[in-house]
Amino acid sequence: MNVVSNFIDKLSKYSAYLAGFILISLVLLILTEIFLRSFFDISTMIADEYSGYLYLASIFLSLGYAFSKDSHIRINIITSRLSKKINRKIDIFAAVITLGVLAFALYRTILFTYDSYSLEMLSENVSETPLYLTQLAMPVGITIFILAVVLFIFKGFSNDS
């Protein structure tokens, strides 16, 4: 279990590093666009499109790490008044529901990405980017998020003794 836990932790951490790198790339792309428009009156013609793609990828790739570090928003008006044992059981129950929702989201994003691939869909902008390439971050990020939730559930059961 410890090897699997370390693997999932490292995977979510590397995914977060990649998300951070993608965010830096997004900022550099926007700064380049601003610089080119301001001083040379030209455009990259792809900054609007690719900033959306990069933003989407950074969000999905950072979900698992944010979950593993308790960075998601939690509303604990009721649970803050309960004992730790009951609170842990509620957390496990909520994580199981989360797992179901994420499994559905993973299934739909895989279908979405596969449809874009099989239909050879391209963006309608100048770049004509194959859309499946930009959509791959969604199932990958959700998969890492699912692994983090599964690890959370197993840790909750192992600490439940």
C-alpha atoms as a PDB file:
ATOM      1  CA  MET A   1       0.000   0.000   0.000  1.00  0.00           C
ATOM      2  CA  ASN A   2       2.854   2.362   0.800  1.00  0.00           C
ATOM      3  CA  VAL A   3       4.359   1.963  -2.692  1.00  0.00           C
ATOM      4  CA  VAL A   4       1.012   2.733  -4.328  1.00  0.00           C
ATOM      5  CA  SER A   5       0.491   5.706  -2.013  1.00  0.00           C
ATOM      6  CA  ASN A   6       3.919   7.125  -2.861  1.00  0.00           C
ATOM      7  CA  PHE A   7       3.284   6.583  -6.582  1.00  0.00           C
ATOM      8  CA  ILE A   8      -0.057   8.418  -6.486  1.00  0.00           C
ATOM      9  CA  ASP A   9       1.441  11.239  -4.417  1.00  0.00           C
ATOM     10  CA  LYS A  10       4.343  11.641  -6.843  1.00  0.00           C
ATOM     11  CA  LEU A  11       2.030  11.423  -9.852  1.00  0.00           C
ATOM     12  CA  SER A  12      -0.224  14.158  -8.492  1.00  0.00           C
ATOM     13  CA  LYS A  13       2.803  16.284  -7.544  1.00  0.00           C
ATOM     14  CA  TYR A  14       4.353  15.968 -11.025  1.00  0.00           C
ATOM     15  CA  SER A  15       0.977  16.736 -12.532  1.00  0.00           C
ATOM     16  CA  ALA A  16       0.825  19.891 -10.406  1.00  0.00           C
ATOM     17  CA  TYR A  17       4.330  20.851 -11.539  1.00  0.00           C
ATOM     18  CA  LEU A  18       3.198  20.398 -15.129  1.00  0.00           C
ATOM     19  CA  ALA A  19       0.118  22.529 -14.403  1.00  0.00           C
ATOM     20  CA  GLY A  20       2.372  25.235 -12.973  1.00  0.00           C
ATOM     21  CA  PHE A  21       4.610  25.107 -16.039  1.00  0.00           C
ATOM     22  CA  ILE A  22       1.535  25.363 -18.243  1.00  0.00           C
ATOM     23  CA  LEU A  23       0.347  28.418 -16.291  1.00  0.00           C
ATOM     24  CA  ILE A  24       3.734  30.059 -16.761  1.00  0.00           C
ATOM     25  CA  SER A  25       3.473  29.275 -20.487  1.00  0.00           C
ATOM     26  CA  LEU A  26       0.031  30.863 -20.510  1.00  0.00           C
ATOM     27  CA  VAL A  27       1.346  34.053 -18.929  1.00  0.00           C
ATOM     28  CA  LEU A  28       4.272  34.162 -21.368  1.00  0.00           C
ATOM     29  CA  LEU A  29       1.932  33.686 -24.325  1.00  0.00           C
ATOM     30  CA  ILE A  30      -0.310  36.531 -23.184  1.00  0.00           C
ATOM     31  CA  LEU A  31       2.683  38.787 -22.482  1.00  0.00           C
ATOM     32  CA  THR A  32       4.059  38.003 -25.935  1.00  0.00           C
ATOM     33  CA  GLU A  33       0.722  38.890 -27.505  1.00  0.00           C
ATOM     34  CA  ILE A  34       0.558  42.166 -25.573  1.00  0.00           C
ATOM     35  CA  PHE A  35       4.145  43.039 -26.496  1.00  0.00           C
ATOM     36  CA  LEU A  36       3.653  42.268 -30.185  1.00  0.00           C
ATOM     37  CA  ARG A  37       0.393  44.230 -30.402  1.00  0.00           C
ATOM     38  CA  SER A  38       1.742  47.212 -28.486  1.00  0.00           C
ATOM     39  CA  PHE A  39       5.094  47.669 -30.188  1.00  0.00           C
ATOM     40  CA  PHE A  40       4.792  46.029 -33.596  1.00  0.00           C
ATOM     41  CA  ASP A  41       1.044  46.158 -34.271  1.00  0.00           C
ATOM     42  CA  ILE A  42       0.967  42.443 -35.107  1.00  0.00           C
ATOM     43  CA  SER A  43      -0.608  39.431 -33.460  1.00  0.00           C
ATOM     44  CA  THR A  44       0.294  35.801 -32.870  1.00  0.00           C
ATOM     45  CA  MET A  45      -3.262  34.973 -34.043  1.00  0.00           C
ATOM     46  CA  ILE A  46      -3.377  32.045 -31.598  1.00  0.00           C
ATOM     47  CA  ALA A  47      -3.075  33.662 -28.175  1.00  0.00           C
ATOM     48  CA  ASP A  48      -6.819  33.720 -27.487  1.00  0.00           C
ATOM     49  CA  GLU A  49      -7.294  30.118 -28.533  1.00  0.00           C
ATOM     50  CA  TYR A  50      -4.235  28.641 -26.866  1.00  0.00           C
ATOM     51  CA  SER A  51      -4.678  30.569 -23.630  1.00  0.00           C
ATOM     52  CA  GLY A  52      -8.001  28.760 -23.227  1.00  0.00           C
ATOM     53  CA  TYR A  53      -6.400  25.394 -23.949  1.00  0.00           C
ATOM     54  CA  LEU A  54      -3.560  26.038 -21.519  1.00  0.00           C
ATOM     55  CA  TYR A  55      -5.927  27.240 -18.814  1.00  0.00           C
ATOM     56  CA  LEU A  56      -8.080  24.127 -19.167  1.00  0.00           C
ATOM     57  CA  ALA A  57      -5.038  21.860 -18.985  1.00  0.00           C
ATOM     58  CA  SER A  58      -3.632  23.617 -15.912  1.00  0.00           C
ATOM     59  CA  ILE A  59      -6.912  23.285 -14.029  1.00  0.00           C
ATOM     60  CA  PHE A  60      -7.489  19.618 -14.798  1.00  0.00           C
ATOM     61  CA  LEU A  61      -3.881  18.609 -14.157  1.00  0.00           C
ATOM     62  CA  SER A  62      -3.851  20.263 -10.741  1.00  0.00           C
ATOM     63  CA  LEU A  63      -7.096  18.751  -9.374  1.00  0.00           C
ATOM     64  CA  GLY A  64      -5.513  15.627  -7.889  1.00  0.00           C
ATOM     65  CA  TYR A  65      -2.751  17.519  -6.121  1.00  0.00           C
ATOM     66  CA  ALA A  66      -5.194  20.087  -4.745  1.00  0.00           C
ATOM     67  CA  PHE A  67      -7.348  17.278  -3.367  1.00  0.00           C
ATOM     68  CA  SER A  68      -4.429  15.466  -1.774  1.00  0.00           C
ATOM     69  CA  LYS A  69      -3.331  18.694  -0.046  1.00  0.00           C
ATOM     70  CA  ASP A  70      -6.856  19.524   1.212  1.00  0.00           C
ATOM     71  CA  SER A  71      -6.974  22.625  -0.958  1.00  0.00           C
ATOM     72  CA  HIS A  72     -10.507  22.152  -2.266  1.00  0.00           C
ATOM     73  CA  ILE A  73     -13.230  24.216  -0.650  1.00  0.00           C
ATOM     74  CA  ARG A  74     -14.892  22.363   2.195  1.00  0.00           C
ATOM     75  CA  ILE A  75     -18.031  23.460   3.937  1.00  0.00           C
ATOM     76  CA  ASN A  76     -17.796  22.157   7.477  1.00  0.00           C
ATOM     77  CA  ILE A  77     -20.565  23.935   9.357  1.00  0.00           C
ATOM     78  CA  ILE A  78     -21.986  20.636  10.574  1.00  0.00           C
ATOM     79  CA  THR A  79     -18.928  18.392  10.499  1.00  0.00           C
ATOM     80  CA  SER A  80     -16.827  20.764  12.609  1.00  0.00           C
ATOM     81  CA  ARG A  81     -19.119  20.001  15.545  1.00  0.00           C
ATOM     82  CA  LEU A  82     -18.887  16.221  15.231  1.00  0.00           C
ATOM     83  CA  SER A  83     -16.316  13.823  16.638  1.00  0.00           C
ATOM     84  CA  LYS A  84     -13.282  12.865  14.566  1.00  0.00           C
ATOM     85  CA  LYS A  85     -14.519   9.312  14.077  1.00  0.00           C
ATOM     86  CA  ILE A  86     -17.905  10.406  12.710  1.00  0.00           C
ATOM     87  CA  ASN A  87     -16.231  13.137  10.682  1.00  0.00           C
ATOM     88  CA  ARG A  88     -13.922  10.551   9.099  1.00  0.00           C
ATOM     89  CA  LYS A  89     -16.907   8.362   8.184  1.00  0.00           C
ATOM     90  CA  ILE A  90     -18.674  11.322   6.591  1.00  0.00           C
ATOM     91  CA  ASP A  91     -15.492  12.155   4.654  1.00  0.00           C
ATOM     92  CA  ILE A  92     -15.268   8.596   3.365  1.00  0.00           C
ATOM     93  CA  PHE A  93     -18.937   8.626   2.359  1.00  0.00           C
ATOM     94  CA  ALA A  94     -18.468  11.958   0.544  1.00  0.00           C
ATOM     95  CA  ALA A  95     -15.347  10.605  -1.156  1.00  0.00           C
ATOM     96  CA  VAL A  96     -17.267   7.562  -2.424  1.00  0.00           C
ATOM     97  CA  ILE A  97     -19.917   9.871  -3.893  1.00  0.00           C
ATOM     98  CA  THR A  98     -17.141  11.998  -5.382  1.00  0.00           C
ATOM     99  CA  LEU A  99     -15.650   8.874  -6.903  1.00  0.00           C
ATOM    100  CA  GLY A 100     -18.956   8.091  -8.604  1.00  0.00           C
ATOM    101  CA  VAL A 101     -19.245  11.605 -10.022  1.00  0.00           C
ATOM    102  CA  LEU A 102     -15.625  11.525 -11.191  1.00  0.00           C
ATOM    103  CA  ALA A 103     -16.090   8.117 -12.834  1.00  0.00           C
ATOM    104  CA  PHE A 104     -18.996   9.539 -14.826  1.00  0.00           C
ATOM    105  CA  ALA A 105     -16.975  12.657 -15.713  1.00  0.00           C
ATOM    106  CA  LEU A 106     -14.053  10.473 -16.799  1.00  0.00           C
ATOM    107  CA  TYR A 107     -16.311   8.343 -18.987  1.00  0.00           C
ATOM    108  CA  ARG A 108     -17.848  11.415 -20.647  1.00  0.00           C
ATOM    109  CA  THR A 109     -14.508  13.178 -21.212  1.00  0.00           C
ATOM    110  CA  ILE A 110     -13.040  10.026 -22.744  1.00  0.00           C
ATOM    111  CA  LEU A 111     -16.013   9.811 -25.101  1.00  0.00           C
ATOM    112  CA  PHE A 112     -15.732  13.531 -25.857  1.00  0.00           C
ATOM    113  CA  THR A 113     -12.034  13.278 -26.641  1.00  0.00           C
ATOM    114  CA  TYR A 114     -12.473  10.094 -28.667  1.00  0.00           C
ATOM    115  CA  ASP A 115     -15.270  11.667 -30.716  1.00  0.00           C
ATOM    116  CA  SER A 116     -13.037  14.630 -31.509  1.00  0.00           C
ATOM    117  CA  TYR A 117     -10.302  12.222 -32.559  1.00  0.00           C
ATOM    118  CA  SER A 118     -12.462   9.895 -34.648  1.00  0.00           C
ATOM    119  CA  LEU A 119     -14.278  12.759 -36.381  1.00  0.00           C
ATOM    120  CA  GLU A 120     -10.957  14.571 -36.952  1.00  0.00           C
ATOM    121  CA  MET A 121     -12.359  17.759 -35.459  1.00  0.00           C
ATOM    122  CA  LEU A 122     -10.238  20.878 -35.807  1.00  0.00           C
ATOM    123  CA  SER A 123     -10.565  24.225 -34.084  1.00  0.00           C
ATOM    124  CA  GLU A 124     -12.318  26.853 -36.138  1.00  0.00           C
ATOM    125  CA  ASN A 125      -9.529  29.362 -35.589  1.00  0.00           C
ATOM    126  CA  VAL A 126      -6.495  30.086 -37.720  1.00  0.00           C
ATOM    127  CA  SER A 127      -4.380  27.330 -36.159  1.00  0.00           C
ATOM    128  CA  GLU A 128      -6.842  24.524 -36.995  1.00  0.00           C
ATOM    129  CA  THR A 129      -5.575  22.589 -33.992  1.00  0.00           C
ATOM    130  CA  PRO A 130      -6.837  19.008 -33.670  1.00  0.00           C
ATOM    131  CA  LEU A 131      -9.254  19.298 -30.737  1.00  0.00           C
ATOM    132  CA  TYR A 132      -8.516  15.904 -29.240  1.00  0.00           C
ATOM    133  CA  LEU A 133      -4.992  17.082 -28.415  1.00  0.00           C
ATOM    134  CA  THR A 134      -6.370  19.949 -26.374  1.00  0.00           C
ATOM    135  CA  GLN A 135      -8.961  17.733 -24.695  1.00  0.00           C
ATOM    136  CA  LEU A 136      -6.557  15.027 -23.527  1.00  0.00           C
ATOM    137  CA  ALA A 137      -5.802  16.958 -20.345  1.00  0.00           C
ATOM    138  CA  MET A 138      -9.363  16.406 -19.129  1.00  0.00           C
ATOM    139  CA  PRO A 139      -9.368  12.584 -18.859  1.00  0.00           C
ATOM    140  CA  VAL A 140      -5.743  12.564 -17.712  1.00  0.00           C
ATOM    141  CA  GLY A 141      -6.440  15.102 -14.961  1.00  0.00           C
ATOM    142  CA  ILE A 142      -9.632  13.370 -13.873  1.00  0.00           C
ATOM    143  CA  THR A 143      -7.798  10.028 -13.740  1.00  0.00           C
ATOM    144  CA  ILE A 144      -5.179  11.515 -11.419  1.00  0.00           C
ATOM    145  CA  PHE A 145      -7.977  13.060  -9.350  1.00  0.00           C
ATOM    146  CA  ILE A 146      -9.702   9.658  -9.113  1.00  0.00           C
ATOM    147  CA  LEU A 147      -6.472   8.050  -7.935  1.00  0.00           C
ATOM    148  CA  ALA A 148      -6.111  10.711  -5.241  1.00  0.00           C
ATOM    149  CA  VAL A 149      -9.706  10.115  -4.076  1.00  0.00           C
ATOM    150  CA  VAL A 150      -9.199   6.329  -4.009  1.00  0.00           C
ATOM    151  CA  LEU A 151      -6.047   6.814  -1.947  1.00  0.00           C
ATOM    152  CA  PHE A 152      -7.985   9.102   0.419  1.00  0.00           C
ATOM    153  CA  ILE A 153     -10.668   6.426   0.850  1.00  0.00           C
ATOM    154  CA  PHE A 154      -8.115   3.699   1.582  1.00  0.00           C
ATOM    155  CA  LYS A 155      -6.294   5.913   4.060  1.00  0.00           C
ATOM    156  CA  GLY A 156      -9.621   6.678   5.730  1.00  0.00           C
ATOM    157  CA  PHE A 157     -10.449   2.995   6.113  1.00  0.00           C
ATOM    158  CA  SER A 158      -6.978   2.121   7.373  1.00  0.00           C
ATOM    159  CA  ASN A 159      -7.154   4.891   9.994  1.00  0.00           C
ATOM    160  CA  ASP A 160     -10.651   3.819  11.037  1.00  0.00           C
ATOM    161  CA  SER A 161      -9.498   1.156  13.481  1.00  0.00           C
END
